[in-house]
Amino acid sequence: MSDKVCDNRSVGVIISNSGGKIALLKRAKFPIRMAPPAGHNDDHGSPEQTAIDEVEEEIGLVIEPSDLIPTAIAERRMNNKCRREGGDHHVWWVYEVDQFLGDIDPDPEETQGAAWYSKKQLQRFADRTKAYKAGKIPEAEWEQNPGLEDVWIDFMRELGYIK
């Protein structure tokens, strides 16, 4: 567990490339799952600045404030846990981005890698999480090849990326 106290405010960014693929990373720290770049608001200031900073920190892409497209997920409380003290829920802001500079260059401390995934692959990650939660995938197999982070299943479904 981390010694940081959770600020209970998180920001995520769904980044699409020109081919319609979505940038996902495999988290290096709890919860170890597949997810778009995201992080705590902490000392970043605004949710927009958090989005910009987290994308660059986690996967190396550069985005500008004008690249951020707000979604319906703004100031939404979700009961998702993190490793920090007090991290039993988060108030979320989620942005979409289809303009950026650079190539994916995952941070080895934040991620176990990152890449572009099709919507079909995204759906497979979501289905894998559902199967794991239903007890159909053994723990060891799940740890080697996890699915989509739970909170992102809800967000991606609502925003039309998965069923």
N, C-alpha and C. Protein backbone atom coordinates (compact mmCIF):
# COMPACT_ATOMS: atom_id res chain seq x y z
N MET A 1 0.84 -1.19 0.00
CA MET A 1 0.00 0.00 0.00
C MET A 1 0.88 1.25 0.00
N SER A 2 0.33 2.31 -0.52
CA SER A 2 1.03 3.57 -0.60
C SER A 2 0.90 4.34 0.71
N ASP A 3 1.85 5.22 1.00
CA ASP A 3 1.74 6.06 2.18
C ASP A 3 1.03 7.37 1.87
N LYS A 4 0.66 7.60 0.62
CA LYS A 4 -0.10 8.78 0.25
C LYS A 4 -1.55 8.62 0.66
N VAL A 5 -2.17 9.73 1.02
CA VAL A 5 -3.59 9.73 1.33
C VAL A 5 -4.34 10.04 0.05
N CYS A 6 -5.41 9.33 -0.21
CA CYS A 6 -6.20 9.52 -1.42
C CYS A 6 -6.95 10.84 -1.36
N ASP A 7 -6.93 11.58 -2.46
CA ASP A 7 -7.71 12.82 -2.55
C ASP A 7 -9.12 12.54 -3.09
N ASN A 8 -9.38 11.28 -3.44
CA ASN A 8 -10.69 10.82 -3.92
C ASN A 8 -11.16 11.56 -5.17
N ARG A 9 -10.23 12.06 -5.95
CA ARG A 9 -10.55 12.75 -7.22
C ARG A 9 -9.65 12.16 -8.31
N SER A 10 -10.26 11.59 -9.35
CA SER A 10 -9.50 10.95 -10.42
C SER A 10 -9.94 11.45 -11.79
N VAL A 11 -8.98 11.43 -12.70
CA VAL A 11 -9.21 11.89 -14.06
C VAL A 11 -8.69 10.82 -15.01
N GLY A 12 -9.47 10.49 -16.04
CA GLY A 12 -9.05 9.52 -17.04
C GLY A 12 -9.21 10.09 -18.44
N VAL A 13 -8.43 9.54 -19.37
CA VAL A 13 -8.43 10.05 -20.74
C VAL A 13 -8.49 8.88 -21.72
N ILE A 14 -9.54 8.87 -22.53
CA ILE A 14 -9.68 7.86 -23.58
C ILE A 14 -9.11 8.48 -24.86
N ILE A 15 -7.98 7.94 -25.31
CA ILE A 15 -7.28 8.49 -26.46
C ILE A 15 -7.48 7.58 -27.66
N SER A 16 -7.97 8.15 -28.76
CA SER A 16 -8.17 7.40 -30.00
C SER A 16 -7.16 7.87 -31.04
N ASN A 17 -6.57 6.93 -31.77
CA ASN A 17 -5.68 7.32 -32.86
C ASN A 17 -6.47 7.42 -34.17
N SER A 18 -5.79 7.78 -35.24
CA SER A 18 -6.46 7.98 -36.54
C SER A 18 -7.09 6.70 -37.08
N GLY A 19 -6.63 5.54 -36.60
CA GLY A 19 -7.19 4.26 -37.01
C GLY A 19 -8.34 3.80 -36.13
N GLY A 20 -8.73 4.63 -35.16
CA GLY A 20 -9.84 4.28 -34.28
C GLY A 20 -9.46 3.38 -33.12
N LYS A 21 -8.17 3.15 -32.93
CA LYS A 21 -7.74 2.33 -31.80
C LYS A 21 -7.59 3.19 -30.56
N ILE A 22 -7.69 2.54 -29.39
CA ILE A 22 -7.68 3.21 -28.10
C ILE A 22 -6.38 2.87 -27.37
N ALA A 23 -5.76 3.88 -26.74
CA ALA A 23 -4.55 3.67 -25.96
C ALA A 23 -4.92 3.09 -24.60
N LEU A 24 -4.36 1.93 -24.28
CA LEU A 24 -4.54 1.31 -22.98
C LEU A 24 -3.17 0.96 -22.42
N LEU A 25 -3.09 0.99 -21.09
CA LEU A 25 -1.88 0.57 -20.41
C LEU A 25 -2.24 -0.55 -19.45
N LYS A 26 -1.24 -1.33 -19.11
CA LYS A 26 -1.41 -2.34 -18.06
C LYS A 26 -0.76 -1.74 -16.82
N ARG A 27 -1.55 -1.50 -15.80
CA ARG A 27 -1.04 -0.87 -14.58
C ARG A 27 0.05 -1.72 -13.93
N ALA A 28 1.05 -1.03 -13.39
CA ALA A 28 2.13 -1.70 -12.67
C ALA A 28 1.81 -1.81 -11.18
N LYS A 29 0.83 -1.02 -10.72
CA LYS A 29 0.45 -0.99 -9.31
C LYS A 29 -1.04 -1.25 -9.19
N PHE A 30 -1.48 -1.66 -8.00
CA PHE A 30 -2.90 -1.94 -7.76
C PHE A 30 -3.76 -0.77 -8.21
N PRO A 31 -4.87 -1.07 -8.88
CA PRO A 31 -5.32 -2.38 -9.36
C PRO A 31 -4.63 -2.73 -10.68
N ILE A 32 -3.97 -3.88 -10.72
CA ILE A 32 -3.25 -4.27 -11.94
C ILE A 32 -4.28 -4.79 -12.94
N ARG A 33 -4.63 -3.91 -13.84
CA ARG A 33 -5.63 -4.16 -14.88
C ARG A 33 -5.25 -3.34 -16.11
N MET A 34 -5.99 -3.52 -17.17
CA MET A 34 -5.86 -2.70 -18.37
C MET A 34 -6.74 -1.47 -18.18
N ALA A 35 -6.26 -0.31 -18.62
CA ALA A 35 -7.03 0.92 -18.45
C ALA A 35 -6.44 2.02 -19.33
N PRO A 36 -7.25 3.01 -19.66
CA PRO A 36 -6.69 4.22 -20.28
C PRO A 36 -5.84 4.97 -19.25
N PRO A 37 -5.03 5.92 -19.69
CA PRO A 37 -4.27 6.73 -18.73
C PRO A 37 -5.23 7.42 -17.76
N ALA A 38 -4.87 7.41 -16.48
CA ALA A 38 -5.71 8.02 -15.45
C ALA A 38 -4.89 8.21 -14.19
N GLY A 39 -5.35 9.12 -13.35
CA GLY A 39 -4.66 9.31 -12.10
C GLY A 39 -5.39 10.26 -11.17
N HIS A 40 -4.85 10.37 -9.98
CA HIS A 40 -5.42 11.25 -8.97
C HIS A 40 -5.16 12.71 -9.32
N ASN A 41 -6.09 13.56 -8.94
CA ASN A 41 -5.96 15.00 -9.15
C ASN A 41 -4.77 15.56 -8.36
N ASP A 42 -4.62 15.12 -7.11
CA ASP A 42 -3.51 15.53 -6.24
C ASP A 42 -3.20 17.02 -6.39
N ASP A 43 -1.96 17.32 -6.74
CA ASP A 43 -1.51 18.72 -6.83
C ASP A 43 -1.49 19.24 -8.26
N HIS A 44 -2.17 18.58 -9.16
CA HIS A 44 -2.16 19.01 -10.57
C HIS A 44 -2.96 20.29 -10.79
N GLY A 45 -3.89 20.59 -9.89
CA GLY A 45 -4.76 21.74 -10.09
C GLY A 45 -6.08 21.28 -10.66
N SER A 46 -6.36 21.63 -11.88
CA SER A 46 -7.64 21.32 -12.51
C SER A 46 -7.68 19.89 -13.03
N PRO A 47 -8.90 19.38 -13.26
CA PRO A 47 -9.01 18.07 -13.91
C PRO A 47 -8.33 18.07 -15.29
N GLU A 48 -8.43 19.17 -16.01
CA GLU A 48 -7.81 19.25 -17.34
C GLU A 48 -6.29 19.10 -17.24
N GLN A 49 -5.68 19.78 -16.27
CA GLN A 49 -4.23 19.67 -16.11
C GLN A 49 -3.84 18.26 -15.67
N THR A 50 -4.67 17.66 -14.83
CA THR A 50 -4.42 16.28 -14.41
C THR A 50 -4.41 15.37 -15.64
N ALA A 51 -5.39 15.54 -16.53
CA ALA A 51 -5.47 14.73 -17.75
C ALA A 51 -4.19 14.88 -18.58
N ILE A 52 -3.78 16.10 -18.81
CA ILE A 52 -2.58 16.37 -19.61
C ILE A 52 -1.35 15.72 -18.97
N ASP A 53 -1.20 15.93 -17.67
CA ASP A 53 -0.02 15.41 -16.96
C ASP A 53 0.00 13.88 -16.91
N GLU A 54 -1.14 13.26 -16.63
CA GLU A 54 -1.19 11.80 -16.51
C GLU A 54 -0.92 11.11 -17.85
N VAL A 55 -1.44 11.66 -18.93
CA VAL A 55 -1.20 11.06 -20.25
C VAL A 55 0.29 11.08 -20.57
N GLU A 56 0.93 12.23 -20.34
CA GLU A 56 2.36 12.31 -20.63
C GLU A 56 3.17 11.42 -19.68
N GLU A 57 2.82 11.43 -18.40
CA GLU A 57 3.54 10.65 -17.40
C GLU A 57 3.43 9.15 -17.66
N GLU A 58 2.22 8.68 -17.95
CA GLU A 58 2.01 7.23 -18.06
C GLU A 58 2.36 6.66 -19.42
N ILE A 59 2.01 7.37 -20.50
CA ILE A 59 2.25 6.76 -21.82
C ILE A 59 3.03 7.66 -22.79
N GLY A 60 3.48 8.82 -22.33
CA GLY A 60 4.38 9.62 -23.14
C GLY A 60 3.77 10.45 -24.25
N LEU A 61 2.45 10.45 -24.40
CA LEU A 61 1.83 11.27 -25.43
C LEU A 61 1.62 12.69 -24.89
N VAL A 62 1.72 13.67 -25.79
CA VAL A 62 1.55 15.07 -25.41
C VAL A 62 0.21 15.55 -25.92
N ILE A 63 -0.60 16.09 -25.00
CA ILE A 63 -1.88 16.66 -25.38
C ILE A 63 -1.97 18.08 -24.83
N GLU A 64 -2.76 18.89 -25.48
CA GLU A 64 -2.98 20.28 -25.10
C GLU A 64 -4.38 20.42 -24.50
N PRO A 65 -4.62 21.47 -23.72
CA PRO A 65 -5.97 21.69 -23.18
C PRO A 65 -7.05 21.68 -24.26
N SER A 66 -6.74 22.24 -25.43
CA SER A 66 -7.73 22.29 -26.52
C SER A 66 -8.03 20.93 -27.12
N ASP A 67 -7.20 19.91 -26.83
CA ASP A 67 -7.42 18.55 -27.33
C ASP A 67 -8.44 17.78 -26.50
N LEU A 68 -8.70 18.23 -25.28
CA LEU A 68 -9.58 17.53 -24.35
C LEU A 68 -11.04 17.74 -24.70
N ILE A 69 -11.75 16.64 -24.91
CA ILE A 69 -13.18 16.68 -25.19
C ILE A 69 -13.90 16.15 -23.95
N PRO A 70 -14.62 17.01 -23.23
CA PRO A 70 -15.33 16.54 -22.03
C PRO A 70 -16.39 15.50 -22.39
N THR A 71 -16.62 14.56 -21.48
CA THR A 71 -17.69 13.57 -21.65
C THR A 71 -18.75 13.83 -20.59
N ALA A 72 -19.78 13.00 -20.61
CA ALA A 72 -20.84 13.09 -19.60
C ALA A 72 -20.35 12.68 -18.22
N ILE A 73 -19.15 12.11 -18.16
CA ILE A 73 -18.59 11.67 -16.88
C ILE A 73 -17.76 12.82 -16.33
N ALA A 74 -18.39 13.61 -15.49
CA ALA A 74 -17.74 14.77 -14.87
C ALA A 74 -18.26 14.90 -13.44
N GLU A 75 -17.34 14.90 -12.51
CA GLU A 75 -17.68 14.97 -11.09
C GLU A 75 -18.61 13.82 -10.69
N ARG A 76 -18.31 12.62 -11.21
CA ARG A 76 -19.13 11.44 -10.91
C ARG A 76 -18.47 10.57 -9.86
N ARG A 77 -19.17 10.34 -8.78
CA ARG A 77 -18.65 9.49 -7.71
C ARG A 77 -18.81 8.02 -8.09
N MET A 78 -17.72 7.28 -7.95
CA MET A 78 -17.71 5.85 -8.22
C MET A 78 -17.05 5.16 -7.02
N ASN A 79 -17.58 4.02 -6.64
CA ASN A 79 -17.03 3.28 -5.51
C ASN A 79 -15.92 2.34 -5.99
N ASN A 80 -14.86 2.93 -6.52
CA ASN A 80 -13.70 2.13 -6.93
C ASN A 80 -12.54 2.41 -5.99
N LYS A 81 -11.88 1.33 -5.59
CA LYS A 81 -10.80 1.42 -4.60
C LYS A 81 -9.45 1.67 -5.27
N CYS A 82 -8.56 2.30 -4.50
CA CYS A 82 -7.17 2.42 -4.92
C CYS A 82 -6.29 1.99 -3.76
N ARG A 83 -4.99 2.02 -3.95
CA ARG A 83 -4.07 1.52 -2.94
C ARG A 83 -3.80 2.55 -1.83
N ARG A 84 -4.26 3.77 -1.99
CA ARG A 84 -3.98 4.82 -1.01
C ARG A 84 -4.92 4.78 0.18
N GLU A 85 -4.44 5.29 1.31
CA GLU A 85 -5.26 5.40 2.50
C GLU A 85 -6.48 6.27 2.20
N GLY A 86 -7.67 5.76 2.57
CA GLY A 86 -8.92 6.49 2.32
C GLY A 86 -9.45 6.34 0.90
N GLY A 87 -8.79 5.52 0.09
CA GLY A 87 -9.16 5.38 -1.32
C GLY A 87 -10.27 4.38 -1.57
N ASP A 88 -11.43 4.60 -0.94
CA ASP A 88 -12.56 3.68 -1.13
C ASP A 88 -13.52 4.15 -2.21
N HIS A 89 -13.37 5.38 -2.69
CA HIS A 89 -14.20 5.91 -3.78
C HIS A 89 -13.42 7.04 -4.47
N HIS A 90 -13.91 7.41 -5.66
CA HIS A 90 -13.30 8.53 -6.40
C HIS A 90 -14.39 9.31 -7.11
N VAL A 91 -14.19 10.58 -7.20
CA VAL A 91 -15.02 11.45 -8.03
C VAL A 91 -14.24 11.59 -9.34
N TRP A 92 -14.87 11.18 -10.45
CA TRP A 92 -14.19 11.06 -11.74
C TRP A 92 -14.56 12.15 -12.73
N TRP A 93 -13.57 12.50 -13.55
CA TRP A 93 -13.73 13.27 -14.78
C TRP A 93 -13.09 12.41 -15.87
N VAL A 94 -13.80 12.22 -16.98
CA VAL A 94 -13.25 11.45 -18.10
C VAL A 94 -13.32 12.33 -19.35
N TYR A 95 -12.21 12.37 -20.05
CA TYR A 95 -12.11 13.12 -21.30
C TYR A 95 -11.82 12.16 -22.45
N GLU A 96 -12.18 12.59 -23.65
CA GLU A 96 -11.78 11.89 -24.86
C GLU A 96 -10.80 12.79 -25.60
N VAL A 97 -9.87 12.17 -26.32
CA VAL A 97 -8.85 12.90 -27.07
C VAL A 97 -8.64 12.16 -28.39
N ASP A 98 -8.60 12.92 -29.48
CA ASP A 98 -8.24 12.32 -30.77
C ASP A 98 -7.12 13.09 -31.47
N GLN A 99 -6.53 14.05 -30.76
CA GLN A 99 -5.38 14.81 -31.26
C GLN A 99 -4.29 14.75 -30.20
N PHE A 100 -3.07 14.41 -30.61
CA PHE A 100 -1.96 14.30 -29.67
C PHE A 100 -0.67 14.32 -30.45
N LEU A 101 0.42 14.50 -29.75
CA LEU A 101 1.75 14.45 -30.36
C LEU A 101 2.53 13.30 -29.74
N GLY A 102 3.38 12.68 -30.57
CA GLY A 102 4.27 11.65 -30.07
C GLY A 102 3.77 10.24 -30.32
N ASP A 103 4.55 9.31 -29.81
CA ASP A 103 4.26 7.88 -29.89
C ASP A 103 4.16 7.35 -28.47
N ILE A 104 3.41 6.28 -28.31
CA ILE A 104 3.29 5.68 -26.98
C ILE A 104 4.67 5.26 -26.48
N ASP A 105 5.00 5.73 -25.30
CA ASP A 105 6.27 5.42 -24.64
C ASP A 105 5.95 5.20 -23.16
N PRO A 106 5.53 3.98 -22.79
CA PRO A 106 5.05 3.73 -21.43
C PRO A 106 6.11 3.90 -20.35
N ASP A 107 5.70 4.47 -19.24
CA ASP A 107 6.57 4.64 -18.07
C ASP A 107 6.68 3.29 -17.36
N PRO A 108 7.90 2.75 -17.21
CA PRO A 108 8.05 1.43 -16.59
C PRO A 108 7.69 1.40 -15.10
N GLU A 109 7.66 2.54 -14.43
CA GLU A 109 7.26 2.55 -13.02
C GLU A 109 5.74 2.58 -12.87
N GLU A 110 5.05 3.17 -13.84
CA GLU A 110 3.59 3.31 -13.79
C GLU A 110 2.87 2.17 -14.50
N THR A 111 3.55 1.57 -15.49
CA THR A 111 2.88 0.59 -16.34
C THR A 111 3.73 -0.67 -16.53
N GLN A 112 3.05 -1.71 -16.99
CA GLN A 112 3.73 -2.92 -17.48
C GLN A 112 3.63 -2.94 -19.00
N GLY A 113 3.51 -1.75 -19.59
CA GLY A 113 3.41 -1.61 -21.03
C GLY A 113 2.13 -0.92 -21.43
N ALA A 114 2.11 -0.42 -22.66
CA ALA A 114 0.94 0.26 -23.21
C ALA A 114 0.97 0.11 -24.72
N ALA A 115 -0.22 0.15 -25.33
CA ALA A 115 -0.32 -0.03 -26.78
C ALA A 115 -1.69 0.47 -27.25
N TRP A 116 -1.87 0.43 -28.55
CA TRP A 116 -3.16 0.77 -29.17
C TRP A 116 -3.98 -0.51 -29.33
N TYR A 117 -5.27 -0.44 -28.98
CA TYR A 117 -6.15 -1.61 -29.06
C TYR A 117 -7.43 -1.25 -29.81
N SER A 118 -7.91 -2.20 -30.61
CA SER A 118 -9.16 -2.01 -31.34
C SER A 118 -10.34 -2.11 -30.38
N LYS A 119 -11.50 -1.67 -30.83
CA LYS A 119 -12.70 -1.78 -29.99
C LYS A 119 -13.03 -3.25 -29.74
N LYS A 120 -12.71 -4.11 -30.69
CA LYS A 120 -12.93 -5.54 -30.50
C LYS A 120 -12.03 -6.08 -29.38
N GLN A 121 -10.79 -5.64 -29.35
CA GLN A 121 -9.88 -6.05 -28.28
C GLN A 121 -10.33 -5.48 -26.94
N LEU A 122 -10.80 -4.25 -26.96
CA LEU A 122 -11.33 -3.61 -25.75
C LEU A 122 -12.49 -4.42 -25.18
N GLN A 123 -13.38 -4.87 -26.07
CA GLN A 123 -14.51 -5.70 -25.64
C GLN A 123 -14.01 -7.01 -25.04
N ARG A 124 -12.95 -7.59 -25.62
CA ARG A 124 -12.40 -8.83 -25.07
C ARG A 124 -11.85 -8.62 -23.66
N PHE A 125 -11.20 -7.48 -23.43
CA PHE A 125 -10.71 -7.17 -22.09
C PHE A 125 -11.87 -7.05 -21.10
N ALA A 126 -12.95 -6.39 -21.52
CA ALA A 126 -14.13 -6.24 -20.65
C ALA A 126 -14.75 -7.60 -20.37
N ASP A 127 -14.88 -8.44 -21.39
CA ASP A 127 -15.45 -9.77 -21.21
C ASP A 127 -14.58 -10.63 -20.30
N ARG A 128 -13.27 -10.46 -20.40
CA ARG A 128 -12.35 -11.20 -19.55
C ARG A 128 -12.55 -10.82 -18.08
N THR A 129 -12.74 -9.53 -17.82
CA THR A 129 -12.99 -9.08 -16.45
C THR A 129 -14.27 -9.69 -15.91
N LYS A 130 -15.31 -9.68 -16.73
CA LYS A 130 -16.59 -10.27 -16.30
C LYS A 130 -16.42 -11.76 -16.00
N ALA A 131 -15.66 -12.47 -16.84
CA ALA A 131 -15.43 -13.91 -16.62
C ALA A 131 -14.63 -14.13 -15.34
N TYR A 132 -13.65 -13.30 -15.09
CA TYR A 132 -12.85 -13.42 -13.86
C TYR A 132 -13.73 -13.21 -12.64
N LYS A 133 -14.54 -12.18 -12.67
CA LYS A 133 -15.42 -11.88 -11.53
C LYS A 133 -16.44 -13.00 -11.30
N ALA A 134 -16.78 -13.72 -12.35
CA ALA A 134 -17.72 -14.85 -12.24
C ALA A 134 -17.02 -16.15 -11.83
N GLY A 135 -15.71 -16.07 -11.58
CA GLY A 135 -14.97 -17.25 -11.14
C GLY A 135 -14.55 -18.19 -12.25
N LYS A 136 -14.59 -17.72 -13.50
CA LYS A 136 -14.28 -18.59 -14.64
C LYS A 136 -12.81 -18.53 -15.06
N ILE A 137 -12.03 -17.64 -14.45
CA ILE A 137 -10.61 -17.53 -14.77
C ILE A 137 -9.83 -17.65 -13.46
N PRO A 138 -8.87 -18.59 -13.38
CA PRO A 138 -8.08 -18.75 -12.16
C PRO A 138 -7.21 -17.51 -11.88
N GLU A 139 -6.95 -17.28 -10.61
CA GLU A 139 -6.19 -16.10 -10.17
C GLU A 139 -4.84 -15.98 -10.88
N ALA A 140 -4.09 -17.07 -10.96
CA ALA A 140 -2.76 -17.02 -11.57
C ALA A 140 -2.85 -16.62 -13.05
N GLU A 141 -3.83 -17.16 -13.74
CA GLU A 141 -4.02 -16.82 -15.16
C GLU A 141 -4.43 -15.35 -15.30
N TRP A 142 -5.30 -14.90 -14.40
CA TRP A 142 -5.75 -13.50 -14.41
C TRP A 142 -4.58 -12.54 -14.19
N GLU A 143 -3.72 -12.86 -13.25
CA GLU A 143 -2.59 -11.99 -12.94
C GLU A 143 -1.65 -11.86 -14.13
N GLN A 144 -1.50 -12.92 -14.90
CA GLN A 144 -0.65 -12.89 -16.09
C GLN A 144 -1.28 -12.08 -17.22
N ASN A 145 -2.60 -12.15 -17.31
CA ASN A 145 -3.30 -11.55 -18.44
C ASN A 145 -4.62 -10.93 -17.96
N PRO A 146 -4.55 -9.80 -17.27
CA PRO A 146 -5.78 -9.23 -16.70
C PRO A 146 -6.66 -8.58 -17.77
N GLY A 147 -7.89 -8.29 -17.36
CA GLY A 147 -8.83 -7.60 -18.23
C GLY A 147 -8.90 -6.12 -17.90
N LEU A 148 -9.98 -5.52 -18.31
CA LEU A 148 -10.20 -4.08 -18.14
C LEU A 148 -10.56 -3.77 -16.69
N GLU A 149 -10.02 -2.69 -16.17
CA GLU A 149 -10.32 -2.24 -14.82
C GLU A 149 -11.83 -2.02 -14.69
N ASP A 150 -12.41 -2.46 -13.57
CA ASP A 150 -13.86 -2.44 -13.37
C ASP A 150 -14.51 -1.09 -13.68
N VAL A 151 -13.98 -0.02 -13.15
CA VAL A 151 -14.59 1.29 -13.34
C VAL A 151 -14.62 1.67 -14.82
N TRP A 152 -13.61 1.21 -15.56
CA TRP A 152 -13.56 1.52 -16.99
C TRP A 152 -14.57 0.73 -17.80
N ILE A 153 -14.99 -0.43 -17.30
CA ILE A 153 -16.07 -1.15 -17.98
C ILE A 153 -17.32 -0.28 -17.98
N ASP A 154 -17.64 0.29 -16.82
CA ASP A 154 -18.82 1.18 -16.73
C ASP A 154 -18.67 2.39 -17.65
N PHE A 155 -17.52 3.04 -17.59
CA PHE A 155 -17.31 4.26 -18.40
C PHE A 155 -17.33 3.94 -19.90
N MET A 156 -16.62 2.89 -20.29
CA MET A 156 -16.53 2.54 -21.72
C MET A 156 -17.89 2.12 -22.28
N ARG A 157 -18.67 1.43 -21.44
CA ARG A 157 -20.02 1.04 -21.89
C ARG A 157 -20.87 2.30 -22.09
N GLU A 158 -20.88 3.17 -21.11
CA GLU A 158 -21.68 4.38 -21.20
C GLU A 158 -21.29 5.25 -22.40
N LEU A 159 -20.01 5.30 -22.71
CA LEU A 159 -19.54 6.15 -23.80
C LEU A 159 -19.56 5.43 -25.17
N GLY A 160 -20.03 4.19 -25.19
CA GLY A 160 -20.22 3.49 -26.47
C GLY A 160 -19.03 2.76 -27.03
N TYR A 161 -18.01 2.54 -26.24
CA TYR A 161 -16.83 1.82 -26.73
C TYR A 161 -16.99 0.31 -26.66
N ILE A 162 -17.77 -0.15 -25.68
CA ILE A 162 -18.03 -1.58 -25.52
C ILE A 162 -19.51 -1.79 -25.24
N LYS A 163 -19.92 -3.09 -25.28
CA LYS A 163 -21.32 -3.44 -25.00
C LYS A 163 -21.49 -3.80 -23.55
